[in-house]
Amino acid sequence: NFDVEGASSIFIDELLRQDYSLSAFTSYGLNQDIYKKSIFRTVRSINKKKNGQSEKSDSQTLTAWSDWLNTQKNERQWFSYLNLNLPATLDIPANYQGPFQPELTSNSPFATFTPENHDKLVNRYKNALRYTDEALQTLFVNLQEKGLEENTIVMITSDHGMEFNETNSNSWGFGSNYSTYQMQVPL
């Protein structure tokens, strides 16, 4: 574990050595130990404006990232960390109507994980992924509008999967089972 060992991220250290401009935008907020003690441990100053310590919606996080991108000059290489949490929280904006219906309308953990709600929960998850895909499309459009798509690498990954009781062990979501459904990381 990097934070226990006090180790820094080799990747981030190399970016710093090469004088990259660094920024970080996360819907969870940057005040979590994983950011302070691990990922950005050796970074003295990271661009946190408009999306600093508190939790934000993915929409706000992407807006803050877009605003930051618009301030970038082509003088210096940059690396930007962007973390979205909607696929994990299923906190879809109230005005968003996804194509997968009927969907669960409440995120109450006491009402969500029941066999009766299985299909509605799966639909809500699919709609959350769809919303995230649409948000990422905006990110790619921003890069294209600035003429950066040819010289920019975008890496997309996840930190865990989601289980919808596929193992028939009453395991739902993430962090409740060591099943392939929860442990497999896409990409």
Protein backbone atom coordinates (compact mmCIF):
# COMPACT_ATOMS: atom_id res chain seq x y z
CA ASN A 1 0.00 0.00 0.00
CA PHE A 2 1.58 3.26 -1.17
CA ASP A 3 0.27 5.48 1.62
CA VAL A 4 1.46 3.12 4.36
CA GLU A 5 4.91 2.83 2.80
CA GLY A 6 5.16 6.57 2.17
CA ALA A 7 5.93 5.89 -1.48
CA SER A 8 5.12 8.38 -4.18
CA SER A 9 3.72 7.70 -7.63
CA ILE A 10 6.57 6.98 -10.06
CA PHE A 11 4.41 8.25 -12.92
CA ILE A 12 3.64 11.58 -11.22
CA ASP A 13 7.27 11.96 -10.15
CA GLU A 14 8.37 11.54 -13.77
CA LEU A 15 5.84 14.13 -14.96
CA LEU A 16 7.22 16.55 -12.39
CA ARG A 17 10.79 15.79 -13.47
CA GLN A 18 9.80 16.62 -17.06
CA ASP A 19 8.14 19.88 -15.92
CA TYR A 20 4.58 19.03 -16.87
CA SER A 21 1.81 21.30 -15.71
CA LEU A 22 -0.41 19.17 -13.46
CA SER A 23 -4.10 19.49 -12.64
CA ALA A 24 -6.60 17.29 -10.85
CA PHE A 25 -10.38 17.29 -10.92
CA THR A 26 -12.42 14.77 -9.00
CA SER A 27 -16.05 14.52 -8.03
CA TYR A 28 -15.02 13.01 -4.69
CA GLY A 29 -12.90 16.02 -3.76
CA LEU A 30 -9.11 16.08 -3.47
CA ASN A 31 -8.99 15.98 0.32
CA GLN A 32 -9.03 12.18 0.51
CA ASP A 33 -5.97 10.28 1.71
CA ILE A 34 -5.55 8.49 -1.63
CA TYR A 35 -4.78 11.85 -3.23
CA LYS A 36 -2.85 13.49 -0.36
CA LYS A 37 -0.80 10.47 0.74
CA SER A 38 -0.46 8.51 -2.49
CA ILE A 39 -1.24 9.79 -5.97
CA PHE A 40 -0.19 13.44 -5.51
CA ARG A 41 2.08 12.97 -2.49
CA THR A 42 5.06 14.76 -4.04
CA VAL A 43 3.09 17.50 -5.77
CA ARG A 44 3.46 20.80 -3.92
CA SER A 45 0.96 22.70 -6.00
CA ILE A 46 -1.71 21.18 -8.16
CA ASN A 47 -4.42 23.10 -9.97
CA LYS A 48 -7.50 22.67 -7.77
CA LYS A 49 -9.44 25.78 -8.61
CA LYS A 50 -13.23 25.44 -8.80
CA ASN A 51 -13.05 21.79 -7.72
CA GLY A 52 -10.97 21.71 -4.61
CA GLN A 53 -11.76 19.80 -1.47
CA SER A 54 -15.50 19.18 -1.42
CA GLU A 55 -17.59 16.74 -3.40
CA LYS A 56 -19.01 17.91 -6.72
CA SER A 57 -21.31 16.42 -9.30
CA ASP A 58 -19.65 14.91 -12.35
CA SER A 59 -21.15 17.77 -14.39
CA GLN A 60 -19.45 20.35 -12.15
CA THR A 61 -16.20 18.40 -12.30
CA LEU A 62 -16.26 18.31 -16.11
CA THR A 63 -17.12 22.01 -16.26
CA ALA A 64 -14.18 22.81 -14.00
CA TRP A 65 -11.92 20.68 -16.21
CA SER A 66 -13.20 22.42 -19.38
CA ASP A 67 -12.60 25.82 -17.78
CA TRP A 68 -9.07 24.73 -16.89
CA LEU A 69 -8.45 23.43 -20.43
CA ASN A 70 -9.48 26.79 -21.86
CA THR A 71 -6.73 28.50 -19.83
CA GLN A 72 -3.96 26.23 -21.15
CA LYS A 73 -1.41 27.64 -23.52
CA ASN A 74 0.50 25.42 -25.93
CA GLU A 75 3.78 26.42 -24.25
CA ARG A 76 4.00 23.55 -21.79
CA GLN A 77 2.98 19.91 -21.73
CA TRP A 78 0.26 19.07 -19.25
CA PHE A 79 -1.21 16.11 -17.45
CA SER A 80 -4.71 16.25 -16.05
CA TYR A 81 -6.28 13.72 -13.70
CA LEU A 82 -10.06 13.54 -13.98
CA ASN A 83 -12.11 11.29 -11.70
CA LEU A 84 -15.86 10.86 -12.13
CA ASN A 85 -18.00 8.94 -9.65
CA LEU A 86 -21.47 8.65 -11.20
CA PRO A 87 -21.14 4.98 -12.21
CA ALA A 88 -20.43 4.12 -8.56
CA THR A 89 -22.98 6.40 -6.91
CA LEU A 90 -25.76 6.07 -9.50
CA ASP A 91 -26.60 9.68 -8.61
CA ILE A 92 -28.07 10.59 -12.00
CA PRO A 93 -29.27 14.20 -12.32
CA ALA A 94 -33.03 14.44 -11.76
CA ASN A 95 -33.61 15.96 -15.20
CA TYR A 96 -31.81 13.13 -17.05
CA GLN A 97 -34.05 10.50 -18.64
CA GLY A 98 -31.98 7.53 -19.77
CA PRO A 99 -33.15 5.03 -22.37
CA PHE A 100 -33.19 2.06 -19.98
CA GLN A 101 -36.58 1.98 -18.30
CA PRO A 102 -38.08 1.40 -15.87
CA GLU A 103 -35.25 2.44 -13.60
CA LEU A 104 -34.93 2.72 -9.87
CA THR A 105 -35.78 6.27 -8.83
CA SER A 106 -34.25 6.17 -5.34
CA ASN A 107 -30.66 5.58 -4.21
CA SER A 108 -31.72 4.47 -0.74
CA PRO A 109 -29.47 1.51 0.15
CA PHE A 110 -32.30 0.01 2.17
CA ALA A 111 -34.71 -0.05 -0.78
CA THR A 112 -32.24 -0.65 -3.60
CA PHE A 113 -30.74 -4.08 -3.05
CA THR A 114 -33.75 -6.36 -3.24
CA PRO A 115 -34.67 -9.03 -5.78
CA GLU A 116 -37.78 -7.03 -6.71
CA ASN A 117 -35.64 -4.04 -7.66
CA HIS A 118 -32.98 -6.01 -9.56
CA ASP A 119 -33.99 -5.02 -13.11
CA LYS A 120 -34.69 -1.40 -12.12
CA LEU A 121 -31.29 -1.16 -10.42
CA VAL A 122 -29.52 -2.62 -13.46
CA ASN A 123 -31.35 -0.07 -15.64
CA ARG A 124 -30.28 2.77 -13.35
CA TYR A 125 -26.68 1.55 -13.60
CA LYS A 126 -26.92 1.41 -17.41
CA ASN A 127 -28.37 4.94 -17.46
CA ALA A 128 -25.55 6.14 -15.19
CA LEU A 129 -23.02 4.67 -17.62
CA ARG A 130 -24.85 6.25 -20.54
CA TYR A 131 -24.81 9.66 -18.80
CA THR A 132 -21.08 9.27 -18.12
CA ASP A 133 -20.44 8.33 -21.77
CA GLU A 134 -22.29 11.45 -22.88
CA ALA A 135 -20.24 13.54 -20.44
CA LEU A 136 -17.01 12.05 -21.80
CA GLN A 137 -18.18 12.88 -25.31
CA THR A 138 -18.19 16.53 -24.20
CA LEU A 139 -14.59 16.10 -23.03
CA PHE A 140 -13.55 14.78 -26.45
CA VAL A 141 -15.39 17.61 -28.22
CA ASN A 142 -13.50 20.11 -26.05
CA LEU A 143 -10.19 18.55 -27.05
CA GLN A 144 -11.19 18.62 -30.74
CA GLU A 145 -12.31 22.26 -30.58
CA LYS A 146 -8.90 23.22 -29.20
CA GLY A 147 -7.13 21.10 -31.84
CA LEU A 148 -5.61 18.84 -29.19
CA GLU A 149 -7.03 15.46 -30.21
CA GLU A 150 -3.93 14.47 -32.22
CA ASN A 151 -1.45 15.19 -29.41
CA THR A 152 -3.47 14.09 -26.40
CA ILE A 153 -3.69 10.66 -24.83
CA VAL A 154 -6.88 9.93 -22.91
CA MET A 155 -6.83 6.89 -20.63
CA ILE A 156 -10.11 5.63 -19.22
CA THR A 157 -10.27 3.01 -16.51
CA SER A 158 -12.15 2.11 -13.37
CA ASP A 159 -11.27 1.11 -9.83
CA HIS A 160 -13.85 -1.67 -9.46
CA GLY A 161 -16.79 -3.40 -11.08
CA MET A 162 -20.40 -3.64 -9.93
CA GLU A 163 -22.26 -6.73 -8.84
CA PHE A 164 -25.99 -7.22 -9.10
CA ASN A 165 -26.20 -10.49 -7.15
CA GLU A 166 -24.83 -12.54 -10.05
CA THR A 167 -23.22 -14.88 -7.51
CA ASN A 168 -26.54 -15.46 -5.72
CA SER A 169 -24.86 -14.57 -2.42
CA ASN A 170 -26.87 -11.39 -1.84
CA SER A 171 -23.88 -9.30 -3.00
CA TRP A 172 -24.75 -5.98 -4.57
CA GLY A 173 -22.74 -2.98 -5.69
CA PHE A 174 -19.05 -2.95 -4.80
CA GLY A 175 -16.88 -3.55 -1.76
CA SER A 176 -19.06 -6.39 -0.46
CA ASN A 177 -17.58 -9.46 -2.16
CA TYR A 178 -14.38 -10.68 -3.79
CA SER A 179 -16.28 -11.85 -6.87
CA THR A 180 -15.11 -11.26 -10.41
CA TYR A 181 -18.05 -8.90 -10.86
CA GLN A 182 -16.72 -6.53 -8.20
CA MET A 183 -12.97 -7.09 -8.59
CA GLN A 184 -12.61 -7.00 -12.37
CA VAL A 185 -11.50 -3.58 -13.56
CA PRO A 186 -12.61 -2.62 -17.07
CA LEU A 187 -9.77 -1.83 -19.49
